[in-house]
Amino acid sequence: MNKNIIIVGAGPNLSFGVAEKFGANNFSIGLISRNEEKLKGLAAELILKGFNVKYAVADASNTNELENALLRLNNELGGVDVLLYNATHMKFRNIMDEKTEDLVEDFKLSVANAFHSVKTLQEKLKESKGAVLFTGGGLATHPNVQVGSLSIGKAALKNLALQLHEVMKVENIYVGTLTVNNAISKDSETHSPKILAEMYWEMYEKRSDAEIQY
């Protein structure tokens, strides 16, 4: 029986690798990103590989847009078994050069709307005994002032994931975060999208660890 994964923050690297892995295991794929042209390209590439793919355009920092996109894909796919939240604002800016309002917007994208995505699909995930996967980062425990906002966001996302892991398991929803401690690159022998996708799949199947450090 086919299952469905929705990926927020879809792109050509990590999330594409996850889409391939889950697609190869009979998952239909829903993609969300703000760039429709890139989304079309990603969807077309996955469809050529034989996967069933839907997509919805939304800026993950816009709560209403994101919620509408999640509900639309849930309806088009016929449910959701896995939510992968992979959206973040990757920027190199010293923490002392940040503006308060920018920190708030980055937090909304990286953490608050990750939470909102889970809340939006909570009942659907409860029905499917599904899973929520987050893309974490080593910056959560080893912050870097040159990517100050991202460091704060990853720390908060880890905290959120650990809390959700505890409270949602009573609803048979698994929540886990993969803390990636190195740069993701297609050519990496240790941190390629393909390798990391295998780790997400293992997390999904085992449904035990709140966090995997890699």
C-alpha atoms as a PDB file:
ATOM      1  CA  MET A   1       0.000   0.000   0.000  1.00  0.00           C
ATOM      2  CA  ASN A   2       1.355   3.378  -0.999  1.00  0.00           C
ATOM      3  CA  LYS A   3       2.164   5.974   1.630  1.00  0.00           C
ATOM      4  CA  ASN A   4       2.804   9.698   1.352  1.00  0.00           C
ATOM      5  CA  ILE A   5       5.579  12.078   2.405  1.00  0.00           C
ATOM      6  CA  ILE A   6       5.313  15.879   2.390  1.00  0.00           C
ATOM      7  CA  ILE A   7       8.590  17.812   2.278  1.00  0.00           C
ATOM      8  CA  VAL A   8       8.655  21.470   3.326  1.00  0.00           C
ATOM      9  CA  GLY A   9      11.645  23.374   1.985  1.00  0.00           C
ATOM     10  CA  ALA A  10      12.128  21.154  -1.055  1.00  0.00           C
ATOM     11  CA  GLY A  11      15.373  21.638  -2.940  1.00  0.00           C
ATOM     12  CA  PRO A  12      17.845  19.772  -5.164  1.00  0.00           C
ATOM     13  CA  ASN A  13      20.078  18.408  -2.403  1.00  0.00           C
ATOM     14  CA  LEU A  14      18.995  16.821   0.891  1.00  0.00           C
ATOM     15  CA  SER A  15      15.249  16.901   0.364  1.00  0.00           C
ATOM     16  CA  PHE A  16      15.629  15.521  -3.166  1.00  0.00           C
ATOM     17  CA  GLY A  17      17.659  12.631  -1.778  1.00  0.00           C
ATOM     18  CA  VAL A  18      14.967  11.954   0.821  1.00  0.00           C
ATOM     19  CA  ALA A  19      12.283  12.108  -1.866  1.00  0.00           C
ATOM     20  CA  GLU A  20      14.180   9.532  -3.932  1.00  0.00           C
ATOM     21  CA  LYS A  21      14.631   7.187  -0.976  1.00  0.00           C
ATOM     22  CA  PHE A  22      11.020   7.318   0.167  1.00  0.00           C
ATOM     23  CA  GLY A  23       9.767   7.223  -3.406  1.00  0.00           C
ATOM     24  CA  ALA A  24      11.750   4.039  -3.989  1.00  0.00           C
ATOM     25  CA  ASN A  25       9.839   2.579  -1.050  1.00  0.00           C
ATOM     26  CA  ASN A  26       6.412   3.202  -2.574  1.00  0.00           C
ATOM     27  CA  PHE A  27       5.816   6.664  -1.138  1.00  0.00           C
ATOM     28  CA  SER A  28       4.044   9.347  -3.123  1.00  0.00           C
ATOM     29  CA  ILE A  29       5.792  12.688  -2.718  1.00  0.00           C
ATOM     30  CA  GLY A  30       4.498  16.168  -1.946  1.00  0.00           C
ATOM     31  CA  LEU A  31       6.889  19.087  -2.343  1.00  0.00           C
ATOM     32  CA  ILE A  32       6.588  22.612  -0.917  1.00  0.00           C
ATOM     33  CA  SER A  33       8.843  25.533  -1.782  1.00  0.00           C
ATOM     34  CA  ARG A  34       8.422  29.181  -2.705  1.00  0.00           C
ATOM     35  CA  ASN A  35      10.017  28.943  -6.164  1.00  0.00           C
ATOM     36  CA  GLU A  36       7.536  27.412  -8.588  1.00  0.00           C
ATOM     37  CA  GLU A  37      10.015  27.090 -11.452  1.00  0.00           C
ATOM     38  CA  LYS A  38      12.430  25.073  -9.313  1.00  0.00           C
ATOM     39  CA  LEU A  39       9.567  23.015  -7.897  1.00  0.00           C
ATOM     40  CA  LYS A  40       8.424  22.092 -11.394  1.00  0.00           C
ATOM     41  CA  GLY A  41      11.952  20.992 -12.241  1.00  0.00           C
ATOM     42  CA  LEU A  42      12.288  18.862  -9.106  1.00  0.00           C
ATOM     43  CA  ALA A  43       8.880  17.297  -9.636  1.00  0.00           C
ATOM     44  CA  ALA A  44       9.632  16.549 -13.291  1.00  0.00           C
ATOM     45  CA  GLU A  45      12.928  14.881 -12.382  1.00  0.00           C
ATOM     46  CA  LEU A  46      11.260  12.705  -9.757  1.00  0.00           C
ATOM     47  CA  ILE A  47       8.387  11.806 -12.091  1.00  0.00           C
ATOM     48  CA  LEU A  48      10.940  10.638 -14.681  1.00  0.00           C
ATOM     49  CA  LYS A  49      12.204   8.223 -12.044  1.00  0.00           C
ATOM     50  CA  GLY A  50       8.717   6.759 -11.827  1.00  0.00           C
ATOM     51  CA  PHE A  51       7.465   8.442  -8.664  1.00  0.00           C
ATOM     52  CA  ASN A  52       4.062   9.993  -8.037  1.00  0.00           C
ATOM     53  CA  VAL A  53       4.710  13.659  -7.227  1.00  0.00           C
ATOM     54  CA  LYS A  54       2.555  16.660  -6.343  1.00  0.00           C
ATOM     55  CA  TYR A  55       3.750  20.116  -5.411  1.00  0.00           C
ATOM     56  CA  ALA A  56       2.414  23.328  -3.893  1.00  0.00           C
ATOM     57  CA  VAL A  57       4.010  26.756  -3.949  1.00  0.00           C
ATOM     58  CA  ALA A  58       4.352  28.452  -0.565  1.00  0.00           C
ATOM     59  CA  ASP A  59       6.817  30.591   1.326  1.00  0.00           C
ATOM     60  CA  ALA A  60       7.485  28.606   4.504  1.00  0.00           C
ATOM     61  CA  SER A  61       7.891  31.866   6.425  1.00  0.00           C
ATOM     62  CA  ASN A  62       4.283  32.751   5.574  1.00  0.00           C
ATOM     63  CA  THR A  63       2.122  30.781   7.999  1.00  0.00           C
ATOM     64  CA  ASN A  64      -1.110  31.017   5.990  1.00  0.00           C
ATOM     65  CA  GLU A  65       0.549  30.082   2.700  1.00  0.00           C
ATOM     66  CA  LEU A  66       2.267  27.135   4.325  1.00  0.00           C
ATOM     67  CA  GLU A  67      -0.857  25.857   6.019  1.00  0.00           C
ATOM     68  CA  ASN A  68      -2.842  26.047   2.773  1.00  0.00           C
ATOM     69  CA  ALA A  69      -0.095  24.201   0.893  1.00  0.00           C
ATOM     70  CA  LEU A  70       0.074  21.434   3.502  1.00  0.00           C
ATOM     71  CA  LEU A  71      -3.675  20.896   3.486  1.00  0.00           C
ATOM     72  CA  ARG A  72      -3.805  20.982  -0.302  1.00  0.00           C
ATOM     73  CA  LEU A  73      -1.111  18.320  -0.649  1.00  0.00           C
ATOM     74  CA  ASN A  74      -2.703  16.208   2.048  1.00  0.00           C
ATOM     75  CA  ASN A  75      -5.932  16.247   0.046  1.00  0.00           C
ATOM     76  CA  GLU A  76      -4.270  15.621  -3.325  1.00  0.00           C
ATOM     77  CA  LEU A  77      -2.153  12.762  -2.013  1.00  0.00           C
ATOM     78  CA  GLY A  78      -4.960  11.280   0.033  1.00  0.00           C
ATOM     79  CA  GLY A  79      -3.289  11.636   3.411  1.00  0.00           C
ATOM     80  CA  VAL A  80       0.150  12.001   4.943  1.00  0.00           C
ATOM     81  CA  ASP A  81       2.410   9.457   6.621  1.00  0.00           C
ATOM     82  CA  VAL A  82       5.615  11.486   6.927  1.00  0.00           C
ATOM     83  CA  LEU A  83       6.297  15.204   7.246  1.00  0.00           C
ATOM     84  CA  LEU A  84       9.866  16.367   6.650  1.00  0.00           C
ATOM     85  CA  TYR A  85      10.528  19.962   7.670  1.00  0.00           C
ATOM     86  CA  ASN A  86      13.668  21.099   5.888  1.00  0.00           C
ATOM     87  CA  ALA A  87      13.088  24.851   5.605  1.00  0.00           C
ATOM     88  CA  THR A  88      15.589  27.350   6.979  1.00  0.00           C
ATOM     89  CA  HIS A  89      17.194  30.676   6.066  1.00  0.00           C
ATOM     90  CA  MET A  90      20.827  29.980   5.278  1.00  0.00           C
ATOM     91  CA  LYS A  91      22.773  33.224   5.502  1.00  0.00           C
ATOM     92  CA  PHE A  92      26.219  34.273   6.638  1.00  0.00           C
ATOM     93  CA  ARG A  93      25.818  37.216   8.999  1.00  0.00           C
ATOM     94  CA  ASN A  94      27.579  37.928  12.265  1.00  0.00           C
ATOM     95  CA  ILE A  95      25.201  37.820  15.207  1.00  0.00           C
ATOM     96  CA  MET A  96      26.045  41.437  16.103  1.00  0.00           C
ATOM     97  CA  ASP A  97      25.013  42.549  12.614  1.00  0.00           C
ATOM     98  CA  GLU A  98      21.559  41.048  12.955  1.00  0.00           C
ATOM     99  CA  LYS A  99      18.439  43.112  13.418  1.00  0.00           C
ATOM    100  CA  THR A 100      15.835  42.094  15.957  1.00  0.00           C
ATOM    101  CA  GLU A 101      13.100  41.840  13.356  1.00  0.00           C
ATOM    102  CA  ASP A 102      15.284  39.604  11.172  1.00  0.00           C
ATOM    103  CA  LEU A 103      15.932  37.256  14.075  1.00  0.00           C
ATOM    104  CA  VAL A 104      12.188  37.026  14.651  1.00  0.00           C
ATOM    105  CA  GLU A 105      11.499  36.262  10.966  1.00  0.00           C
ATOM    106  CA  ASP A 106      14.246  33.642  10.836  1.00  0.00           C
ATOM    107  CA  PHE A 107      12.894  31.997  13.995  1.00  0.00           C
ATOM    108  CA  LYS A 108       9.434  31.930  12.454  1.00  0.00           C
ATOM    109  CA  LEU A 109      10.748  30.099   9.390  1.00  0.00           C
ATOM    110  CA  SER A 110      13.080  27.685  11.186  1.00  0.00           C
ATOM    111  CA  VAL A 111      11.044  26.871  14.286  1.00  0.00           C
ATOM    112  CA  ALA A 112       7.599  28.427  14.695  1.00  0.00           C
ATOM    113  CA  ASN A 113       6.327  27.322  11.297  1.00  0.00           C
ATOM    114  CA  ALA A 114       7.885  23.901  11.770  1.00  0.00           C
ATOM    115  CA  PHE A 115       5.640  23.660  14.842  1.00  0.00           C
ATOM    116  CA  HIS A 116       2.691  25.031  12.882  1.00  0.00           C
ATOM    117  CA  SER A 117       3.221  22.410  10.185  1.00  0.00           C
ATOM    118  CA  VAL A 118       3.031  19.666  12.779  1.00  0.00           C
ATOM    119  CA  LYS A 119      -0.102  21.162  14.312  1.00  0.00           C
ATOM    120  CA  THR A 120      -1.707  21.528  10.879  1.00  0.00           C
ATOM    121  CA  LEU A 121      -1.183  17.852  10.031  1.00  0.00           C
ATOM    122  CA  GLN A 122      -1.465  16.435  13.539  1.00  0.00           C
ATOM    123  CA  GLU A 123      -4.828  14.734  13.102  1.00  0.00           C
ATOM    124  CA  LYS A 124      -3.826  13.322   9.705  1.00  0.00           C
ATOM    125  CA  LEU A 125      -0.574  11.959  11.142  1.00  0.00           C
ATOM    126  CA  LYS A 126      -2.482  10.504  14.064  1.00  0.00           C
ATOM    127  CA  GLU A 127      -4.742   8.630  11.651  1.00  0.00           C
ATOM    128  CA  SER A 128      -1.770   7.184   9.765  1.00  0.00           C
ATOM    129  CA  LYS A 129       0.405   6.595  12.855  1.00  0.00           C
ATOM    130  CA  GLY A 130       2.867   8.735  10.965  1.00  0.00           C
ATOM    131  CA  ALA A 131       6.168  10.452  11.549  1.00  0.00           C
ATOM    132  CA  VAL A 132       7.654  13.940  11.683  1.00  0.00           C
ATOM    133  CA  LEU A 133      11.285  14.398  10.673  1.00  0.00           C
ATOM    134  CA  PHE A 134      13.313  17.567  11.179  1.00  0.00           C
ATOM    135  CA  THR A 135      16.617  18.606   9.643  1.00  0.00           C
ATOM    136  CA  GLY A 136      18.770  19.706  12.539  1.00  0.00           C
ATOM    137  CA  GLY A 137      22.337  20.944  12.601  1.00  0.00           C
ATOM    138  CA  GLY A 138      25.482  20.843  14.682  1.00  0.00           C
ATOM    139  CA  LEU A 139      25.105  24.579  15.208  1.00  0.00           C
ATOM    140  CA  ALA A 140      22.527  23.666  17.844  1.00  0.00           C
ATOM    141  CA  THR A 141      25.305  22.678  20.235  1.00  0.00           C
ATOM    142  CA  HIS A 142      28.272  24.422  18.599  1.00  0.00           C
ATOM    143  CA  PRO A 143      27.010  27.883  17.602  1.00  0.00           C
ATOM    144  CA  ASN A 144      28.973  30.015  15.145  1.00  0.00           C
ATOM    145  CA  VAL A 145      28.749  33.801  15.433  1.00  0.00           C
ATOM    146  CA  GLN A 146      29.129  34.118  11.658  1.00  0.00           C
ATOM    147  CA  VAL A 147      25.813  32.307  11.210  1.00  0.00           C
ATOM    148  CA  GLY A 148      24.290  33.537  14.450  1.00  0.00           C
ATOM    149  CA  SER A 149      20.627  33.445  13.517  1.00  0.00           C
ATOM    150  CA  LEU A 150      20.896  29.969  12.027  1.00  0.00           C
ATOM    151  CA  SER A 151      22.666  28.764  15.179  1.00  0.00           C
ATOM    152  CA  ILE A 152      19.800  30.034  17.324  1.00  0.00           C
ATOM    153  CA  GLY A 153      17.244  28.450  15.016  1.00  0.00           C
ATOM    154  CA  LYS A 154      18.878  25.016  15.050  1.00  0.00           C
ATOM    155  CA  ALA A 155      19.151  25.066  18.842  1.00  0.00           C
ATOM    156  CA  ALA A 156      15.464  25.914  19.167  1.00  0.00           C
ATOM    157  CA  LEU A 157      14.463  23.336  16.549  1.00  0.00           C
ATOM    158  CA  LYS A 158      16.297  20.615  18.465  1.00  0.00           C
ATOM    159  CA  ASN A 159      14.501  21.639  21.649  1.00  0.00           C
ATOM    160  CA  LEU A 160      11.172  21.580  19.820  1.00  0.00           C
ATOM    161  CA  ALA A 161      11.859  18.141  18.363  1.00  0.00           C
ATOM    162  CA  LEU A 162      12.744  16.672  21.754  1.00  0.00           C
ATOM    163  CA  GLN A 163       9.554  18.041  23.282  1.00  0.00           C
ATOM    164  CA  LEU A 164       7.345  16.855  20.422  1.00  0.00           C
ATOM    165  CA  HIS A 165       8.945  13.420  20.532  1.00  0.00           C
ATOM    166  CA  GLU A 166       7.683  13.028  24.094  1.00  0.00           C
ATOM    167  CA  VAL A 167       4.194  14.461  23.747  1.00  0.00           C
ATOM    168  CA  MET A 168       3.258  12.999  20.366  1.00  0.00           C
ATOM    169  CA  LYS A 169       4.290   9.407  20.945  1.00  0.00           C
ATOM    170  CA  VAL A 170       1.102   8.969  22.982  1.00  0.00           C
ATOM    171  CA  GLU A 171      -0.740   9.580  19.687  1.00  0.00           C
ATOM    172  CA  ASN A 172       1.467   7.030  17.879  1.00  0.00           C
ATOM    173  CA  ILE A 173       3.231   9.829  15.981  1.00  0.00           C
ATOM    174  CA  TYR A 174       6.997   9.486  15.842  1.00  0.00           C
ATOM    175  CA  VAL A 175       9.056  12.701  15.937  1.00  0.00           C
ATOM    176  CA  GLY A 176      12.791  12.745  15.339  1.00  0.00           C
ATOM    177  CA  THR A 177      15.520  15.141  14.279  1.00  0.00           C
ATOM    178  CA  LEU A 178      18.670  14.345  12.333  1.00  0.00           C
ATOM    179  CA  THR A 179      21.435  16.626  13.592  1.00  0.00           C
ATOM    180  CA  VAL A 180      23.793  17.037  10.645  1.00  0.00           C
ATOM    181  CA  ASN A 181      27.280  17.930  11.866  1.00  0.00           C
ATOM    182  CA  ASN A 182      28.949  18.612   8.540  1.00  0.00           C
ATOM    183  CA  ALA A 183      28.320  20.284   5.193  1.00  0.00           C
ATOM    184  CA  ILE A 184      25.931  18.430   2.907  1.00  0.00           C
ATOM    185  CA  SER A 185      27.392  17.786  -0.534  1.00  0.00           C
ATOM    186  CA  LYS A 186      26.540  15.388  -3.338  1.00  0.00           C
ATOM    187  CA  ASP A 187      30.229  14.451  -3.574  1.00  0.00           C
ATOM    188  CA  SER A 188      30.738  13.914   0.163  1.00  0.00           C
ATOM    189  CA  GLU A 189      31.785  10.430   1.238  1.00  0.00           C
ATOM    190  CA  THR A 190      30.067  10.923   4.586  1.00  0.00           C
ATOM    191  CA  HIS A 191      27.364  13.606   4.232  1.00  0.00           C
ATOM    192  CA  SER A 192      25.839  13.213   0.798  1.00  0.00           C
ATOM    193  CA  PRO A 193      22.045  13.520   0.371  1.00  0.00           C
ATOM    194  CA  LYS A 194      21.923   9.804  -0.420  1.00  0.00           C
ATOM    195  CA  ILE A 195      23.669   8.832   2.826  1.00  0.00           C
ATOM    196  CA  LEU A 196      21.546  11.180   4.917  1.00  0.00           C
ATOM    197  CA  ALA A 197      18.359   9.973   3.220  1.00  0.00           C
ATOM    198  CA  GLU A 198      19.229   6.442   4.337  1.00  0.00           C
ATOM    199  CA  MET A 199      19.491   7.734   7.898  1.00  0.00           C
ATOM    200  CA  TYR A 200      16.082   9.392   7.692  1.00  0.00           C
ATOM    201  CA  TRP A 201      14.630   6.151   6.387  1.00  0.00           C
ATOM    202  CA  GLU A 202      16.178   4.227   9.273  1.00  0.00           C
ATOM    203  CA  MET A 203      14.757   6.748  11.746  1.00  0.00           C
ATOM    204  CA  TYR A 204      11.326   6.386  10.157  1.00  0.00           C
ATOM    205  CA  GLU A 205      11.450   2.602  10.309  1.00  0.00           C
ATOM    206  CA  LYS A 206      12.822   2.292  13.861  1.00  0.00           C
ATOM    207  CA  ARG A 207      10.700   5.114  15.334  1.00  0.00           C
ATOM    208  CA  SER A 208      12.779   5.198  18.505  1.00  0.00           C
ATOM    209  CA  ASP A 209      15.360   7.998  18.711  1.00  0.00           C
ATOM    210  CA  ALA A 210      14.349  11.599  19.335  1.00  0.00           C
ATOM    211  CA  GLU A 211      17.677  12.695  17.861  1.00  0.00           C
ATOM    212  CA  ILE A 212      20.384  11.155  15.727  1.00  0.00           C
ATOM    213  CA  GLN A 213      23.731  12.947  15.712  1.00  0.00           C
ATOM    214  CA  TYR A 214      25.728  12.498  12.531  1.00  0.00           C
END
